[in-house]
């Protein structure tokens, strides 16, 4: 293969991370894309991301204050469950 200049084409593994077709209630859009509040602790935003480590994937949930852009709280877990975002 090397002599012929051939390389293995690896198949990318598809990972489903979002389930948009659910029957759970969806919260109203209260911010309406207005991300600049006039004072601290009026509007908090959250997000979840996943991070690859040598021990496998871990999930990080972060809460920030949109006024100061400071982290209000965060949580790490090996599983993406409700406990990841409700733990305090």
PDB file of N, CA and C in Angstrom:
ATOM      1  N   UNK A   1       0.825  -1.177   0.000  1.00  0.00           N
ATOM      2  CA  UNK A   1       0.000   0.000   0.000  1.00  0.00           C
ATOM      3  C   UNK A   1       0.875   1.249   0.000  1.00  0.00           C
ATOM      4  N   UNK A   2       1.950   1.226   0.798  1.00  0.00           N
ATOM      5  CA  UNK A   2       2.824   2.395   0.869  1.00  0.00           C
ATOM      6  C   UNK A   2       3.471   2.657  -0.479  1.00  0.00           C
ATOM      7  N   UNK A   3       3.919   1.586  -1.121  1.00  0.00           N
ATOM      8  CA  UNK A   3       4.579   1.720  -2.415  1.00  0.00           C
ATOM      9  C   UNK A   3       3.624   2.304  -3.461  1.00  0.00           C
ATOM     10  N   UNK A   4       2.352   1.966  -3.360  1.00  0.00           N
ATOM     11  CA  UNK A   4       1.364   2.453  -4.312  1.00  0.00           C
ATOM     12  C   UNK A   4       0.737   3.791  -3.887  1.00  0.00           C
ATOM     13  N   UNK A   5       1.147   4.289  -2.715  1.00  0.00           N
ATOM     14  CA  UNK A   5       0.612   5.560  -2.231  1.00  0.00           C
ATOM     15  C   UNK A   5      -0.821   5.458  -1.738  1.00  0.00           C
ATOM     16  N   UNK A   6      -1.211   4.252  -1.300  1.00  0.00           N
ATOM     17  CA  UNK A   6      -2.574   4.048  -0.819  1.00  0.00           C
ATOM     18  C   UNK A   6      -2.639   4.275   0.682  1.00  0.00           C
ATOM     19  N   UNK A   7      -3.743   4.851   1.127  1.00  0.00           N
ATOM     20  CA  UNK A   7      -3.969   5.073   2.551  1.00  0.00           C
ATOM     21  C   UNK A   7      -5.332   4.543   2.929  1.00  0.00           C
ATOM     22  N   UNK A   8      -5.442   4.111   4.158  1.00  0.00           N
ATOM     23  CA  UNK A   8      -6.711   3.623   4.671  1.00  0.00           C
ATOM     24  C   UNK A   8      -7.638   4.813   4.886  1.00  0.00           C
ATOM     25  N   UNK A   9      -8.859   4.708   4.395  1.00  0.00           N
ATOM     26  CA  UNK A   9      -9.857   5.735   4.642  1.00  0.00           C
ATOM     27  C   UNK A   9     -10.718   5.262   5.806  1.00  0.00           C
ATOM     28  N   UNK A  10     -10.510   5.905   6.955  1.00  0.00           N
ATOM     29  CA  UNK A  10     -11.214   5.488   8.159  1.00  0.00           C
ATOM     30  C   UNK A  10     -12.631   6.060   8.175  1.00  0.00           C
ATOM     31  N   UNK A  11     -13.556   5.236   8.592  1.00  0.00           N
ATOM     32  CA  UNK A  11     -14.940   5.666   8.708  1.00  0.00           C
ATOM     33  C   UNK A  11     -15.108   6.461   9.997  1.00  0.00           C
ATOM     34  N   UNK A  12     -15.670   7.679   9.875  1.00  0.00           N
ATOM     35  CA  UNK A  12     -15.911   8.485  11.061  1.00  0.00           C
ATOM     36  C   UNK A  12     -17.108   7.932  11.808  1.00  0.00           C
ATOM     37  N   UNK A  13     -16.968   7.849  13.113  1.00  0.00           N
ATOM     38  CA  UNK A  13     -18.044   7.354  13.951  1.00  0.00           C
ATOM     39  C   UNK A  13     -19.030   8.481  14.228  1.00  0.00           C
ATOM     40  N   UNK A  14     -20.297   8.263  13.947  1.00  0.00           N
ATOM     41  CA  UNK A  14     -21.325   9.262  14.179  1.00  0.00           C
ATOM     42  C   UNK A  14     -21.831   9.141  15.611  1.00  0.00           C
ATOM     43  N   UNK A  15     -21.815  10.270  16.311  1.00  0.00           N
ATOM     44  CA  UNK A  15     -22.278  10.283  17.694  1.00  0.00           C
ATOM     45  C   UNK A  15     -23.484  11.215  17.779  1.00  0.00           C
ATOM     46  N   UNK A  16     -24.616  10.676  18.150  1.00  0.00           N
ATOM     47  CA  UNK A  16     -25.818  11.469  18.315  1.00  0.00           C
ATOM     48  C   UNK A  16     -25.767  12.161  19.664  1.00  0.00           C
ATOM     49  N   UNK A  17     -25.804  13.500  19.665  1.00  0.00           N
ATOM     50  CA  UNK A  17     -25.701  14.234  20.926  1.00  0.00           C
ATOM     51  C   UNK A  17     -26.964  15.010  21.268  1.00  0.00           C
ATOM     52  N   UNK A  18     -27.879  15.150  20.323  1.00  0.00           N
ATOM     53  CA  UNK A  18     -29.092  15.923  20.563  1.00  0.00           C
ATOM     54  C   UNK A  18     -30.312  15.131  20.130  1.00  0.00           C
ATOM     55  N   UNK A  19     -31.328  15.149  20.974  1.00  0.00           N
ATOM     56  CA  UNK A  19     -32.601  14.507  20.639  1.00  0.00           C
ATOM     57  C   UNK A  19     -33.650  15.608  20.518  1.00  0.00           C
ATOM     58  N   UNK A  20     -33.853  16.125  19.310  1.00  0.00           N
ATOM     59  CA  UNK A  20     -34.807  17.206  19.099  1.00  0.00           C
ATOM     60  C   UNK A  20     -36.227  16.700  18.906  1.00  0.00           C
ATOM     61  N   UNK A  21     -36.390  15.421  18.676  1.00  0.00           N
ATOM     62  CA  UNK A  21     -37.711  14.854  18.421  1.00  0.00           C
ATOM     63  C   UNK A  21     -38.221  14.160  19.680  1.00  0.00           C
ATOM     64  N   UNK A  22     -38.497  14.956  20.701  1.00  0.00           N
ATOM     65  CA  UNK A  22     -38.988  14.418  21.959  1.00  0.00           C
ATOM     66  C   UNK A  22     -40.341  15.030  22.273  1.00  0.00           C
ATOM     67  N   UNK A  23     -41.012  14.486  23.254  1.00  0.00           N
ATOM     68  CA  UNK A  23     -42.333  14.980  23.645  1.00  0.00           C
ATOM     69  C   UNK A  23     -42.294  15.736  24.967  1.00  0.00           C
ATOM     70  N   UNK A  24     -41.101  16.087  25.417  1.00  0.00           N
ATOM     71  CA  UNK A  24     -40.962  16.845  26.657  1.00  0.00           C
ATOM     72  C   UNK A  24     -41.321  18.310  26.400  1.00  0.00           C
ATOM     73  N   UNK A  25     -41.785  19.019  27.423  1.00  0.00           N
ATOM     74  CA  UNK A  25     -42.106  20.439  27.221  1.00  0.00           C
ATOM     75  C   UNK A  25     -40.836  21.243  26.935  1.00  0.00           C
ATOM     76  N   UNK A  26     -40.976  22.264  26.116  1.00  0.00           N
ATOM     77  CA  UNK A  26     -39.862  23.144  25.758  1.00  0.00           C
ATOM     78  C   UNK A  26     -40.107  24.494  26.417  1.00  0.00           C
ATOM     79  N   UNK A  27     -39.092  25.016  27.088  1.00  0.00           N
ATOM     80  CA  UNK A  27     -39.226  26.290  27.796  1.00  0.00           C
ATOM     81  C   UNK A  27     -39.388  27.443  26.809  1.00  0.00           C
ATOM     82  N   UNK A  28     -40.124  28.471  27.229  1.00  0.00           N
ATOM     83  CA  UNK A  28     -40.299  29.672  26.410  1.00  0.00           C
ATOM     84  C   UNK A  28     -38.965  30.399  26.261  1.00  0.00           C
ATOM     85  N   UNK A  29     -38.807  31.120  25.159  1.00  0.00           N
ATOM     86  CA  UNK A  29     -37.610  31.907  24.892  1.00  0.00           C
ATOM     87  C   UNK A  29     -37.768  33.269  25.574  1.00  0.00           C
ATOM     88  N   UNK A  30     -37.365  33.369  26.822  1.00  0.00           N
ATOM     89  CA  UNK A  30     -37.546  34.598  27.588  1.00  0.00           C
ATOM     90  C   UNK A  30     -36.539  35.689  27.217  1.00  0.00           C
ATOM     91  N   UNK A  31     -35.359  35.300  26.751  1.00  0.00           N
ATOM     92  CA  UNK A  31     -34.327  36.287  26.420  1.00  0.00           C
ATOM     93  C   UNK A  31     -34.550  36.958  25.072  1.00  0.00           C
ATOM     94  N   UNK A  32     -35.139  36.252  24.136  1.00  0.00           N
ATOM     95  CA  UNK A  32     -35.351  36.772  22.780  1.00  0.00           C
ATOM     96  C   UNK A  32     -34.060  37.369  22.214  1.00  0.00           C
ATOM     97  N   UNK A  33     -32.947  36.666  22.430  1.00  0.00           N
ATOM     98  CA  UNK A  33     -31.615  37.025  21.935  1.00  0.00           C
ATOM     99  C   UNK A  33     -31.085  38.350  22.497  1.00  0.00           C
ATOM    100  N   UNK A  34     -31.596  38.770  23.636  1.00  0.00           N
ATOM    101  CA  UNK A  34     -31.080  39.965  24.304  1.00  0.00           C
ATOM    102  C   UNK A  34     -30.135  39.494  25.404  1.00  0.00           C
ATOM    103  N   UNK A  35     -28.846  39.414  25.059  1.00  0.00           N
ATOM    104  CA  UNK A  35     -27.848  38.806  25.933  1.00  0.00           C
ATOM    105  C   UNK A  35     -27.039  39.824  26.735  1.00  0.00           C
ATOM    106  N   UNK A  36     -27.520  41.041  26.887  1.00  0.00           N
ATOM    107  CA  UNK A  36     -26.785  42.077  27.612  1.00  0.00           C
ATOM    108  C   UNK A  36     -27.661  42.694  28.703  1.00  0.00           C
ATOM    109  N   UNK A  37     -27.838  41.992  29.822  1.00  0.00           N
ATOM    110  CA  UNK A  37     -28.650  42.545  30.904  1.00  0.00           C
ATOM    111  C   UNK A  37     -27.990  43.783  31.506  1.00  0.00           C
ATOM    112  N   UNK A  38     -28.783  44.581  32.227  1.00  0.00           N
ATOM    113  CA  UNK A  38     -28.292  45.843  32.781  1.00  0.00           C
ATOM    114  C   UNK A  38     -27.660  45.718  34.160  1.00  0.00           C
ATOM    115  N   UNK A  39     -27.796  44.568  34.794  1.00  0.00           N
ATOM    116  CA  UNK A  39     -27.196  44.374  36.119  1.00  0.00           C
ATOM    117  C   UNK A  39     -26.845  42.900  36.310  1.00  0.00           C
ATOM    118  N   UNK A  40     -25.971  42.641  37.282  1.00  0.00           N
ATOM    119  CA  UNK A  40     -25.562  41.264  37.532  1.00  0.00           C
ATOM    120  C   UNK A  40     -26.696  40.460  38.167  1.00  0.00           C
ATOM    121  N   UNK A  41     -26.612  39.169  38.012  1.00  0.00           N
ATOM    122  CA  UNK A  41     -27.553  38.206  38.581  1.00  0.00           C
ATOM    123  C   UNK A  41     -28.997  38.367  38.101  1.00  0.00           C
ATOM    124  N   UNK A  42     -29.189  39.001  36.963  1.00  0.00           N
ATOM    125  CA  UNK A  42     -30.518  39.070  36.355  1.00  0.00           C
ATOM    126  C   UNK A  42     -30.730  37.910  35.388  1.00  0.00           C
ATOM    127  N   UNK A  43     -29.661  37.592  34.633  1.00  0.00           N
ATOM    128  CA  UNK A  43     -29.769  36.561  33.596  1.00  0.00           C
ATOM    129  C   UNK A  43     -28.560  35.639  33.673  1.00  0.00           C
ATOM    130  N   UNK A  44     -28.837  34.367  33.857  1.00  0.00           N
ATOM    131  CA  UNK A  44     -27.798  33.351  33.823  1.00  0.00           C
ATOM    132  C   UNK A  44     -28.026  32.489  32.590  1.00  0.00           C
ATOM    133  N   UNK A  45     -26.953  32.001  32.030  1.00  0.00           N
ATOM    134  CA  UNK A  45     -27.031  31.106  30.870  1.00  0.00           C
ATOM    135  C   UNK A  45     -26.241  29.841  31.183  1.00  0.00           C
ATOM    136  N   UNK A  46     -26.632  28.752  30.549  1.00  0.00           N
ATOM    137  CA  UNK A  46     -25.969  27.471  30.788  1.00  0.00           C
ATOM    138  C   UNK A  46     -25.613  26.798  29.480  1.00  0.00           C
ATOM    139  N   UNK A  47     -24.687  25.880  29.577  1.00  0.00           N
ATOM    140  CA  UNK A  47     -24.355  25.029  28.444  1.00  0.00           C
ATOM    141  C   UNK A  47     -23.698  23.761  28.976  1.00  0.00           C
ATOM    142  N   UNK A  48     -23.769  22.725  28.161  1.00  0.00           N
ATOM    143  CA  UNK A  48     -23.119  21.455  28.479  1.00  0.00           C
ATOM    144  C   UNK A  48     -22.198  21.115  27.322  1.00  0.00           C
ATOM    145  N   UNK A  49     -20.995  20.681  27.651  1.00  0.00           N
ATOM    146  CA  UNK A  49     -20.076  20.205  26.626  1.00  0.00           C
ATOM    147  C   UNK A  49     -19.447  18.916  27.121  1.00  0.00           C
ATOM    148  N   UNK A  50     -18.821  18.193  26.220  1.00  0.00           N
ATOM    149  CA  UNK A  50     -18.143  16.972  26.610  1.00  0.00           C
ATOM    150  C   UNK A  50     -16.673  17.077  26.252  1.00  0.00           C
ATOM    151  N   UNK A  51     -15.847  16.456  27.095  1.00  0.00           N
ATOM    152  CA  UNK A  51     -14.393  16.571  26.994  1.00  0.00           C
ATOM    153  C   UNK A  51     -13.799  15.177  26.994  1.00  0.00           C
ATOM    154  N   UNK A  52     -12.920  14.899  26.037  1.00  0.00           N
ATOM    155  CA  UNK A  52     -12.243  13.604  25.980  1.00  0.00           C
ATOM    156  C   UNK A  52     -11.056  13.612  26.934  1.00  0.00           C
ATOM    157  N   UNK A  53     -10.966  12.589  27.772  1.00  0.00           N
ATOM    158  CA  UNK A  53      -9.822  12.408  28.664  1.00  0.00           C
ATOM    159  C   UNK A  53      -9.273  11.003  28.443  1.00  0.00           C
ATOM    160  N   UNK A  54      -8.165  10.706  29.039  1.00  0.00           N
ATOM    161  CA  UNK A  54      -7.594   9.361  28.920  1.00  0.00           C
ATOM    162  C   UNK A  54      -8.485   8.309  29.574  1.00  0.00           C
ATOM    163  N   UNK A  55      -9.352   8.732  30.483  1.00  0.00           N
ATOM    164  CA  UNK A  55     -10.290   7.810  31.126  1.00  0.00           C
ATOM    165  C   UNK A  55     -11.630   7.736  30.391  1.00  0.00           C
ATOM    166  N   UNK A  56     -11.796   8.491  29.311  1.00  0.00           N
ATOM    167  CA  UNK A  56     -13.038   8.497  28.543  1.00  0.00           C
ATOM    168  C   UNK A  56     -13.685   9.874  28.559  1.00  0.00           C
ATOM    169  N   UNK A  57     -14.912   9.950  28.087  1.00  0.00           N
ATOM    170  CA  UNK A  57     -15.629  11.217  28.010  1.00  0.00           C
ATOM    171  C   UNK A  57     -16.112  11.652  29.388  1.00  0.00           C
ATOM    172  N   UNK A  58     -16.013  12.963  29.637  1.00  0.00           N
ATOM    173  CA  UNK A  58     -16.652  13.554  30.811  1.00  0.00           C
ATOM    174  C   UNK A  58     -17.492  14.733  30.321  1.00  0.00           C
ATOM    175  N   UNK A  59     -18.530  15.030  31.055  1.00  0.00           N
ATOM    176  CA  UNK A  59     -19.449  16.093  30.685  1.00  0.00           C
ATOM    177  C   UNK A  59     -19.302  17.261  31.640  1.00  0.00           C
ATOM    178  N   UNK A  60     -19.290  18.460  31.080  1.00  0.00           N
ATOM    179  CA  UNK A  60     -19.122  19.682  31.859  1.00  0.00           C
ATOM    180  C   UNK A  60     -20.349  20.565  31.653  1.00  0.00           C
ATOM    181  N   UNK A  61     -21.014  20.922  32.739  1.00  0.00           N
ATOM    182  CA  UNK A  61     -22.127  21.864  32.707  1.00  0.00           C
ATOM    183  C   UNK A  61     -21.654  23.149  33.389  1.00  0.00           C
ATOM    184  N   UNK A  62     -21.877  24.289  32.732  1.00  0.00           N
ATOM    185  CA  UNK A  62     -21.410  25.571  33.247  1.00  0.00           C
ATOM    186  C   UNK A  62     -22.578  26.557  33.274  1.00  0.00           C
ATOM    187  N   UNK A  63     -22.641  27.378  34.321  1.00  0.00           N
ATOM    188  CA  UNK A  63     -23.614  28.462  34.421  1.00  0.00           C
ATOM    189  C   UNK A  63     -22.828  29.767  34.500  1.00  0.00           C
ATOM    190  N   UNK A  64     -23.165  30.737  33.617  1.00  0.00           N
ATOM    191  CA  UNK A  64     -22.486  32.032  33.659  1.00  0.00           C
ATOM    192  C   UNK A  64     -23.517  33.148  33.839  1.00  0.00           C
ATOM    193  N   UNK A  65     -23.082  34.227  34.451  1.00  0.00           N
ATOM    194  CA  UNK A  65     -23.874  35.443  34.572  1.00  0.00           C
ATOM    195  C   UNK A  65     -23.634  36.241  33.285  1.00  0.00           C
ATOM    196  N   UNK A  66     -24.687  36.523  32.527  1.00  0.00           N
ATOM    197  CA  UNK A  66     -24.504  37.206  31.244  1.00  0.00           C
ATOM    198  C   UNK A  66     -24.062  38.655  31.392  1.00  0.00           C
ATOM    199  N   UNK A  67     -24.270  39.269  32.544  1.00  0.00           N
ATOM    200  CA  UNK A  67     -23.814  40.644  32.744  1.00  0.00           C
ATOM    201  C   UNK A  67     -22.298  40.690  32.926  1.00  0.00           C
ATOM    202  N   UNK A  68     -21.789  39.923  33.869  1.00  0.00           N
ATOM    203  CA  UNK A  68     -20.353  39.953  34.192  1.00  0.00           C
ATOM    204  C   UNK A  68     -19.546  38.949  33.376  1.00  0.00           C
ATOM    205  N   UNK A  69     -20.246  37.978  32.756  1.00  0.00           N
ATOM    206  CA  UNK A  69     -19.604  36.883  32.009  1.00  0.00           C
ATOM    207  C   UNK A  69     -18.754  36.001  32.922  1.00  0.00           C
ATOM    208  N   UNK A  70     -19.045  36.021  34.192  1.00  0.00           N
ATOM    209  CA  UNK A  70     -18.321  35.176  35.157  1.00  0.00           C
ATOM    210  C   UNK A  70     -19.057  33.869  35.374  1.00  0.00           C
ATOM    211  N   UNK A  71     -18.282  32.834  35.688  1.00  0.00           N
ATOM    212  CA  UNK A  71     -18.866  31.527  35.975  1.00  0.00           C
ATOM    213  C   UNK A  71     -19.523  31.567  37.341  1.00  0.00           C
ATOM    214  N   UNK A  72     -20.805  31.219  37.378  1.00  0.00           N
ATOM    215  CA  UNK A  72     -21.561  31.177  38.627  1.00  0.00           C
ATOM    216  C   UNK A  72     -21.434  29.799  39.265  1.00  0.00           C
ATOM    217  N   UNK A  73     -21.386  28.768  38.420  1.00  0.00           N
ATOM    218  CA  UNK A  73     -21.245  27.407  38.917  1.00  0.00           C
ATOM    219  C   UNK A  73     -20.936  26.444  37.792  1.00  0.00           C
ATOM    220  N   UNK A  74     -20.444  25.274  38.156  1.00  0.00           N
ATOM    221  CA  UNK A  74     -20.132  24.254  37.160  1.00  0.00           C
ATOM    222  C   UNK A  74     -20.184  22.883  37.808  1.00  0.00           C
ATOM    223  N   UNK A  75     -20.284  21.861  36.965  1.00  0.00           N
ATOM    224  CA  UNK A  75     -20.348  20.492  37.457  1.00  0.00           C
ATOM    225  C   UNK A  75     -19.760  19.562  36.406  1.00  0.00           C
ATOM    226  N   UNK A  76     -19.070  18.528  36.853  1.00  0.00           N
ATOM    227  CA  UNK A  76     -18.512  17.495  35.974  1.00  0.00           C
ATOM    228  C   UNK A  76     -19.125  16.151  36.337  1.00  0.00           C
ATOM    229  N   UNK A  77     -19.333  15.304  35.323  1.00  0.00           N
ATOM    230  CA  UNK A  77     -19.833  13.958  35.590  1.00  0.00           C
ATOM    231  C   UNK A  77     -19.466  13.052  34.429  1.00  0.00           C
ATOM    232  N   UNK A  78     -19.423  11.753  34.702  1.00  0.00           N
ATOM    233  CA  UNK A  78     -19.143  10.768  33.661  1.00  0.00           C
ATOM    234  C   UNK A  78     -20.364  10.508  32.794  1.00  0.00           C
ATOM    235  N   UNK A  79     -21.552  10.883  33.298  1.00  0.00           N
ATOM    236  CA  UNK A  79     -22.791  10.677  32.555  1.00  0.00           C
ATOM    237  C   UNK A  79     -23.522  12.001  32.399  1.00  0.00           C
ATOM    238  N   UNK A  80     -24.226  12.150  31.274  1.00  0.00           N
ATOM    239  CA  UNK A  80     -25.019  13.351  31.066  1.00  0.00           C
ATOM    240  C   UNK A  80     -26.446  13.064  31.544  1.00  0.00           C
ATOM    241  N   UNK A  81     -26.661  13.308  32.821  1.00  0.00           N
ATOM    242  CA  UNK A  81     -27.963  13.071  33.436  1.00  0.00           C
ATOM    243  C   UNK A  81     -28.471  14.376  34.043  1.00  0.00           C
ATOM    244  N   UNK A  82     -29.690  14.347  34.541  1.00  0.00           N
ATOM    245  CA  UNK A  82     -30.248  15.527  35.192  1.00  0.00           C
ATOM    246  C   UNK A  82     -29.400  15.947  36.394  1.00  0.00           C
ATOM    247  N   UNK A  83     -28.768  14.988  37.040  1.00  0.00           N
ATOM    248  CA  UNK A  83     -27.931  15.312  38.210  1.00  0.00           C
ATOM    249  C   UNK A  83     -26.769  16.219  37.842  1.00  0.00           C
ATOM    250  N   UNK A  84     -26.286  16.139  36.613  1.00  0.00           N
ATOM    251  CA  UNK A  84     -25.177  16.980  36.162  1.00  0.00           C
ATOM    252  C   UNK A  84     -25.550  18.463  36.265  1.00  0.00           C
ATOM    253  N   UNK A  85     -26.772  18.815  35.931  1.00  0.00           N
ATOM    254  CA  UNK A  85     -27.168  20.220  35.905  1.00  0.00           C
ATOM    255  C   UNK A  85     -27.946  20.674  37.144  1.00  0.00           C
ATOM    256  N   UNK A  86     -28.376  19.744  37.975  1.00  0.00           N
ATOM    257  CA  UNK A  86     -29.137  20.123  39.166  1.00  0.00           C
ATOM    258  C   UNK A  86     -28.324  20.057  40.442  1.00  0.00           C
ATOM    259  N   UNK A  87     -27.141  19.471  40.372  1.00  0.00           N
ATOM    260  CA  UNK A  87     -26.284  19.351  41.558  1.00  0.00           C
ATOM    261  C   UNK A  87     -25.831  20.736  42.015  1.00  0.00           C
ATOM    262  N   UNK A  88     -25.838  20.965  43.317  1.00  0.00           N
ATOM    263  CA  UNK A  88     -25.334  22.241  43.832  1.00  0.00           C
ATOM    264  C   UNK A  88     -24.704  22.081  45.190  1.00  0.00           C
TER     265      UNK A  88
END
